[in-house]
N, C-alpha and C. Protein backbone atom coordinates (compact mmCIF):
# COMPACT_ATOMS: atom_id res chain seq x y z
N GLN A 1 -109.73 -11.64 84.85
CA GLN A 1 -108.34 -11.69 85.31
C GLN A 1 -107.39 -11.46 84.15
N VAL A 2 -106.22 -10.98 84.48
CA VAL A 2 -105.16 -10.75 83.52
C VAL A 2 -103.90 -11.46 84.01
N GLN A 3 -103.25 -12.18 83.11
CA GLN A 3 -102.00 -12.84 83.45
C GLN A 3 -100.86 -12.19 82.68
N LEU A 4 -99.75 -11.96 83.38
CA LEU A 4 -98.58 -11.32 82.79
C LEU A 4 -97.36 -12.19 83.04
N VAL A 5 -96.60 -12.44 81.99
CA VAL A 5 -95.38 -13.25 82.13
C VAL A 5 -94.23 -12.50 81.47
N GLU A 6 -93.23 -12.14 82.28
CA GLU A 6 -92.06 -11.41 81.77
C GLU A 6 -90.99 -12.38 81.30
N SER A 7 -90.16 -11.90 80.39
CA SER A 7 -88.99 -12.64 79.94
C SER A 7 -87.97 -11.64 79.41
N GLY A 8 -86.74 -12.11 79.25
CA GLY A 8 -85.71 -11.29 78.63
C GLY A 8 -84.68 -10.71 79.57
N GLY A 9 -84.84 -10.94 80.87
CA GLY A 9 -83.83 -10.42 81.79
C GLY A 9 -82.53 -11.20 81.69
N GLY A 10 -81.52 -10.72 82.41
CA GLY A 10 -80.24 -11.41 82.40
C GLY A 10 -79.12 -10.54 82.89
N LEU A 11 -77.91 -10.98 82.62
CA LEU A 11 -76.70 -10.28 83.01
C LEU A 11 -76.08 -9.62 81.79
N VAL A 12 -75.75 -8.35 81.91
CA VAL A 12 -75.16 -7.62 80.80
C VAL A 12 -74.14 -6.64 81.34
N GLN A 13 -73.15 -6.33 80.53
CA GLN A 13 -72.14 -5.35 80.94
C GLN A 13 -72.69 -3.93 80.76
N ALA A 14 -72.14 -3.01 81.52
CA ALA A 14 -72.53 -1.61 81.38
C ALA A 14 -72.33 -1.16 79.93
N GLY A 15 -73.31 -0.41 79.44
CA GLY A 15 -73.30 0.02 78.05
C GLY A 15 -74.03 -0.91 77.11
N GLY A 16 -74.38 -2.08 77.59
CA GLY A 16 -75.06 -3.05 76.77
C GLY A 16 -76.55 -2.83 76.70
N SER A 17 -77.24 -3.78 76.06
CA SER A 17 -78.68 -3.66 75.84
C SER A 17 -79.38 -4.96 76.22
N LEU A 18 -80.62 -4.82 76.62
CA LEU A 18 -81.51 -5.95 76.85
C LEU A 18 -82.91 -5.55 76.38
N ARG A 19 -83.68 -6.55 76.00
CA ARG A 19 -85.07 -6.31 75.63
C ARG A 19 -85.96 -7.21 76.47
N LEU A 20 -86.79 -6.58 77.29
CA LEU A 20 -87.74 -7.32 78.11
C LEU A 20 -89.07 -7.44 77.36
N SER A 21 -89.72 -8.57 77.57
CA SER A 21 -91.04 -8.79 76.97
C SER A 21 -92.03 -9.20 78.05
N CYS A 22 -93.26 -8.82 77.85
CA CYS A 22 -94.33 -9.18 78.77
C CYS A 22 -95.48 -9.75 77.94
N ALA A 23 -95.75 -11.02 78.13
CA ALA A 23 -96.85 -11.67 77.42
C ALA A 23 -98.13 -11.52 78.23
N VAL A 24 -99.17 -11.06 77.58
CA VAL A 24 -100.44 -10.75 78.23
C VAL A 24 -101.49 -11.77 77.82
N SER A 25 -102.21 -12.30 78.78
CA SER A 25 -103.31 -13.21 78.49
C SER A 25 -104.45 -12.93 79.45
N GLY A 26 -105.59 -13.54 79.17
CA GLY A 26 -106.76 -13.31 80.00
C GLY A 26 -107.61 -12.19 79.43
N SER A 27 -108.15 -11.38 80.31
CA SER A 27 -109.07 -10.30 79.92
C SER A 27 -108.32 -9.07 79.44
N ARG A 28 -107.53 -9.27 78.38
CA ARG A 28 -106.64 -8.19 77.94
C ARG A 28 -107.41 -7.00 77.39
N PHE A 29 -108.64 -7.19 76.93
CA PHE A 29 -109.40 -6.06 76.37
C PHE A 29 -109.85 -5.10 77.47
N SER A 30 -109.71 -5.51 78.72
CA SER A 30 -110.08 -4.63 79.83
C SER A 30 -108.91 -3.76 80.29
N ILE A 31 -107.73 -3.98 79.69
CA ILE A 31 -106.54 -3.24 80.13
C ILE A 31 -106.57 -1.82 79.60
N GLN A 32 -106.33 -0.87 80.48
CA GLN A 32 -106.31 0.54 80.10
C GLN A 32 -104.91 0.99 79.72
N ASP A 33 -103.95 0.68 80.55
CA ASP A 33 -102.57 1.01 80.22
C ASP A 33 -101.65 -0.01 80.87
N MET A 34 -100.42 -0.04 80.40
CA MET A 34 -99.45 -1.00 80.92
C MET A 34 -98.13 -0.30 81.21
N GLY A 35 -97.34 -0.95 82.04
CA GLY A 35 -96.07 -0.33 82.39
C GLY A 35 -95.05 -1.34 82.86
N TRP A 36 -93.84 -0.83 83.00
CA TRP A 36 -92.74 -1.59 83.60
C TRP A 36 -92.29 -0.85 84.85
N TYR A 37 -92.14 -1.60 85.92
CA TYR A 37 -91.61 -1.08 87.18
C TYR A 37 -90.35 -1.85 87.51
N ARG A 38 -89.55 -1.31 88.41
CA ARG A 38 -88.38 -2.04 88.87
C ARG A 38 -88.19 -1.82 90.36
N GLN A 39 -87.56 -2.83 90.96
CA GLN A 39 -87.30 -2.77 92.40
C GLN A 39 -85.92 -3.33 92.69
N ALA A 40 -85.06 -2.47 93.20
CA ALA A 40 -83.73 -2.87 93.61
C ALA A 40 -83.78 -3.31 95.07
N PRO A 41 -82.80 -4.12 95.51
CA PRO A 41 -82.79 -4.58 96.90
C PRO A 41 -82.84 -3.44 97.90
N GLY A 42 -83.77 -3.52 98.84
CA GLY A 42 -83.88 -2.50 99.86
C GLY A 42 -84.55 -1.21 99.43
N LYS A 43 -85.06 -1.19 98.21
CA LYS A 43 -85.70 0.03 97.70
C LYS A 43 -87.15 -0.25 97.31
N GLN A 44 -87.90 0.82 97.11
CA GLN A 44 -89.30 0.66 96.73
C GLN A 44 -89.40 0.36 95.24
N ARG A 45 -90.56 -0.11 94.85
CA ARG A 45 -90.82 -0.40 93.44
C ARG A 45 -91.21 0.90 92.75
N ASP A 46 -90.49 1.25 91.70
CA ASP A 46 -90.70 2.51 91.00
C ASP A 46 -91.09 2.29 89.54
N LEU A 47 -91.87 3.23 89.02
CA LEU A 47 -92.25 3.19 87.61
C LEU A 47 -91.03 3.48 86.74
N VAL A 48 -90.86 2.66 85.71
CA VAL A 48 -89.81 2.89 84.72
C VAL A 48 -90.41 3.52 83.47
N ALA A 49 -91.49 2.92 82.96
CA ALA A 49 -92.12 3.41 81.74
C ALA A 49 -93.54 2.89 81.69
N SER A 50 -94.41 3.64 81.01
CA SER A 50 -95.78 3.22 80.84
C SER A 50 -96.25 3.59 79.45
N ILE A 51 -97.29 2.89 78.99
CA ILE A 51 -97.86 3.13 77.67
C ILE A 51 -99.36 2.97 77.76
N SER A 52 -100.07 3.88 77.14
CA SER A 52 -101.53 3.86 77.22
C SER A 52 -102.13 2.96 76.14
N ARG A 53 -103.41 2.70 76.32
CA ARG A 53 -104.12 1.86 75.36
C ARG A 53 -104.49 2.64 74.11
N ALA A 54 -104.51 3.95 74.22
CA ALA A 54 -104.96 4.79 73.12
C ALA A 54 -104.15 4.52 71.86
N ARG A 55 -104.81 4.73 70.73
CA ARG A 55 -104.13 4.57 69.44
C ARG A 55 -102.90 5.46 69.43
N GLY A 56 -101.78 4.89 69.07
CA GLY A 56 -100.52 5.64 69.12
C GLY A 56 -99.76 5.39 70.40
N GLY A 57 -100.47 5.00 71.46
CA GLY A 57 -99.83 4.62 72.72
C GLY A 57 -99.01 5.74 73.35
N ASN A 58 -99.67 6.62 74.09
CA ASN A 58 -98.93 7.66 74.80
C ASN A 58 -97.99 7.01 75.81
N THR A 59 -96.75 7.49 75.85
CA THR A 59 -95.74 6.90 76.73
C THR A 59 -95.27 7.87 77.78
N ASN A 60 -94.75 7.30 78.85
CA ASN A 60 -94.23 8.09 79.95
C ASN A 60 -93.01 7.37 80.51
N TYR A 61 -91.95 8.12 80.84
CA TYR A 61 -90.71 7.51 81.31
C TYR A 61 -90.20 8.18 82.58
N ALA A 62 -89.56 7.40 83.41
CA ALA A 62 -88.84 7.97 84.54
C ALA A 62 -87.67 8.78 83.99
N ASP A 63 -87.33 9.86 84.68
CA ASP A 63 -86.25 10.72 84.21
C ASP A 63 -84.94 9.95 84.05
N SER A 64 -84.72 8.98 84.91
CA SER A 64 -83.45 8.24 84.91
C SER A 64 -83.27 7.36 83.67
N VAL A 65 -84.34 7.09 82.93
CA VAL A 65 -84.21 6.20 81.77
C VAL A 65 -84.56 6.89 80.46
N LYS A 66 -84.96 8.13 80.51
CA LYS A 66 -85.32 8.85 79.28
C LYS A 66 -84.14 8.88 78.31
N GLY A 67 -84.44 8.57 77.06
CA GLY A 67 -83.40 8.56 76.04
C GLY A 67 -82.65 7.24 75.95
N ARG A 68 -82.86 6.35 76.92
CA ARG A 68 -82.17 5.05 76.91
C ARG A 68 -83.14 3.89 76.77
N PHE A 69 -84.31 4.02 77.36
CA PHE A 69 -85.31 2.94 77.34
C PHE A 69 -86.48 3.33 76.44
N THR A 70 -87.07 2.32 75.81
CA THR A 70 -88.24 2.54 74.97
C THR A 70 -89.27 1.46 75.26
N ILE A 71 -90.48 1.88 75.58
CA ILE A 71 -91.58 0.94 75.79
C ILE A 71 -92.43 0.89 74.54
N SER A 72 -92.87 -0.31 74.19
CA SER A 72 -93.71 -0.47 73.01
C SER A 72 -94.75 -1.55 73.26
N ARG A 73 -95.77 -1.54 72.43
CA ARG A 73 -96.90 -2.44 72.65
C ARG A 73 -97.28 -3.06 71.32
N ASP A 74 -97.34 -4.36 71.25
CA ASP A 74 -97.75 -5.07 70.04
C ASP A 74 -99.10 -5.73 70.33
N ASN A 75 -100.16 -5.07 69.91
CA ASN A 75 -101.49 -5.57 70.22
C ASN A 75 -101.82 -6.85 69.46
N THR A 76 -101.18 -7.08 68.31
CA THR A 76 -101.47 -8.29 67.55
C THR A 76 -100.88 -9.52 68.23
N LYS A 77 -99.79 -9.32 68.96
CA LYS A 77 -99.14 -10.43 69.65
C LYS A 77 -99.37 -10.40 71.15
N ASN A 78 -100.16 -9.41 71.60
CA ASN A 78 -100.47 -9.29 73.03
C ASN A 78 -99.22 -9.26 73.89
N THR A 79 -98.29 -8.43 73.48
CA THR A 79 -97.05 -8.29 74.24
C THR A 79 -96.69 -6.82 74.43
N VAL A 80 -95.95 -6.56 75.48
CA VAL A 80 -95.38 -5.25 75.74
C VAL A 80 -93.88 -5.44 75.92
N HIS A 81 -93.11 -4.55 75.31
CA HIS A 81 -91.66 -4.69 75.35
C HIS A 81 -91.03 -3.48 76.03
N LEU A 82 -89.88 -3.70 76.58
CA LEU A 82 -89.05 -2.61 77.10
C LEU A 82 -87.65 -2.80 76.54
N GLN A 83 -87.30 -1.96 75.58
CA GLN A 83 -85.95 -1.97 75.02
C GLN A 83 -85.07 -1.10 75.88
N MET A 84 -84.02 -1.69 76.42
CA MET A 84 -83.12 -0.97 77.33
C MET A 84 -81.74 -0.90 76.72
N ASN A 85 -81.30 0.30 76.42
CA ASN A 85 -79.99 0.55 75.84
C ASN A 85 -79.12 1.34 76.81
N SER A 86 -77.83 1.32 76.54
CA SER A 86 -76.87 2.07 77.37
C SER A 86 -77.10 1.78 78.86
N LEU A 87 -77.19 0.51 79.19
CA LEU A 87 -77.50 0.12 80.56
C LEU A 87 -76.37 0.51 81.52
N LYS A 88 -76.79 0.86 82.73
CA LYS A 88 -75.87 1.28 83.78
C LYS A 88 -76.01 0.34 84.98
N PRO A 89 -74.98 0.24 85.81
CA PRO A 89 -75.10 -0.62 87.00
C PRO A 89 -76.30 -0.26 87.87
N GLU A 90 -76.65 1.01 87.90
CA GLU A 90 -77.80 1.44 88.71
C GLU A 90 -79.14 1.00 88.13
N ASP A 91 -79.13 0.42 86.95
CA ASP A 91 -80.36 -0.15 86.38
C ASP A 91 -80.63 -1.56 86.92
N THR A 92 -79.69 -2.10 87.66
CA THR A 92 -79.85 -3.43 88.23
C THR A 92 -81.05 -3.49 89.16
N ALA A 93 -81.95 -4.41 88.89
CA ALA A 93 -83.18 -4.53 89.68
C ALA A 93 -84.00 -5.70 89.15
N VAL A 94 -85.06 -6.03 89.86
CA VAL A 94 -86.08 -6.93 89.33
C VAL A 94 -87.10 -6.05 88.60
N TYR A 95 -87.38 -6.39 87.37
CA TYR A 95 -88.31 -5.62 86.56
C TYR A 95 -89.65 -6.34 86.49
N TYR A 96 -90.71 -5.59 86.74
CA TYR A 96 -92.05 -6.14 86.79
C TYR A 96 -92.94 -5.51 85.71
N CYS A 97 -93.69 -6.34 85.05
CA CYS A 97 -94.70 -5.87 84.11
C CYS A 97 -95.98 -5.58 84.90
N ASN A 98 -96.67 -4.52 84.52
CA ASN A 98 -97.86 -4.07 85.24
C ASN A 98 -98.97 -3.78 84.26
N ALA A 99 -100.20 -4.12 84.64
CA ALA A 99 -101.36 -3.79 83.82
C ALA A 99 -102.45 -3.19 84.69
N ASN A 100 -102.96 -2.04 84.27
CA ASN A 100 -104.11 -1.43 84.94
C ASN A 100 -105.35 -1.78 84.13
N ALA A 101 -106.19 -2.62 84.70
CA ALA A 101 -107.38 -3.08 84.00
C ALA A 101 -108.63 -2.60 84.74
N LEU A 102 -109.76 -2.78 84.08
CA LEU A 102 -111.02 -2.33 84.67
C LEU A 102 -111.31 -3.03 85.99
N MET A 103 -110.84 -4.27 86.12
CA MET A 103 -111.13 -5.02 87.34
C MET A 103 -110.02 -4.95 88.37
N GLY A 104 -108.96 -4.20 88.07
CA GLY A 104 -107.89 -4.07 89.05
C GLY A 104 -106.52 -3.94 88.45
N VAL A 105 -105.52 -4.04 89.31
CA VAL A 105 -104.13 -3.91 88.89
C VAL A 105 -103.47 -5.29 88.97
N PHE A 106 -102.71 -5.63 87.94
CA PHE A 106 -102.09 -6.94 87.86
C PHE A 106 -100.58 -6.80 87.65
N TRP A 107 -99.85 -7.79 88.21
CA TRP A 107 -98.38 -7.79 88.13
C TRP A 107 -97.89 -9.13 87.62
N GLY A 108 -96.76 -9.08 86.92
CA GLY A 108 -96.06 -10.30 86.57
C GLY A 108 -95.17 -10.73 87.72
N GLN A 109 -94.46 -11.83 87.51
CA GLN A 109 -93.63 -12.39 88.58
C GLN A 109 -92.28 -11.71 88.68
N GLY A 110 -91.91 -10.94 87.67
CA GLY A 110 -90.65 -10.21 87.69
C GLY A 110 -89.54 -10.95 86.97
N THR A 111 -88.60 -10.19 86.43
CA THR A 111 -87.43 -10.75 85.78
C THR A 111 -86.21 -9.94 86.21
N GLN A 112 -85.14 -10.64 86.56
CA GLN A 112 -83.94 -9.99 87.09
C GLN A 112 -83.10 -9.41 85.96
N VAL A 113 -82.69 -8.17 86.14
CA VAL A 113 -81.73 -7.52 85.25
C VAL A 113 -80.53 -7.12 86.09
N THR A 114 -79.36 -7.59 85.68
CA THR A 114 -78.14 -7.27 86.39
C THR A 114 -77.14 -6.66 85.42
N VAL A 115 -76.67 -5.46 85.75
CA VAL A 115 -75.72 -4.75 84.89
C VAL A 115 -74.39 -4.66 85.64
N SER A 116 -73.37 -5.26 85.07
CA SER A 116 -72.06 -5.25 85.71
C SER A 116 -71.23 -4.07 85.21
N SER A 117 -70.38 -3.59 86.10
CA SER A 117 -69.56 -2.41 85.74
C SER A 117 -68.26 -2.84 85.12
């Protein structure tokens, strides 16, 4: 099993920044890649960014966040971060940490990000 705990959400004005963190525990060596998803009220959960386990960590971003968000992985601290800059009201959502592991897919409980205009 893999356990994921997000932190770092909150309320910020448009143009501001937030840094989300995801603490990973359990069978972390079975994780292949990790990502951040978000879900706004009444909408589906969409991928925001992902990072592979490979050395160097290949990354992938949704078009809507390219150039503003950065995903990173600290294997020594077993954490994954999402640095979010130039935030927009449309970034408002619950953000979920995701892990694809050999035994399945795991999710954190989510953290709310609210961007005011």
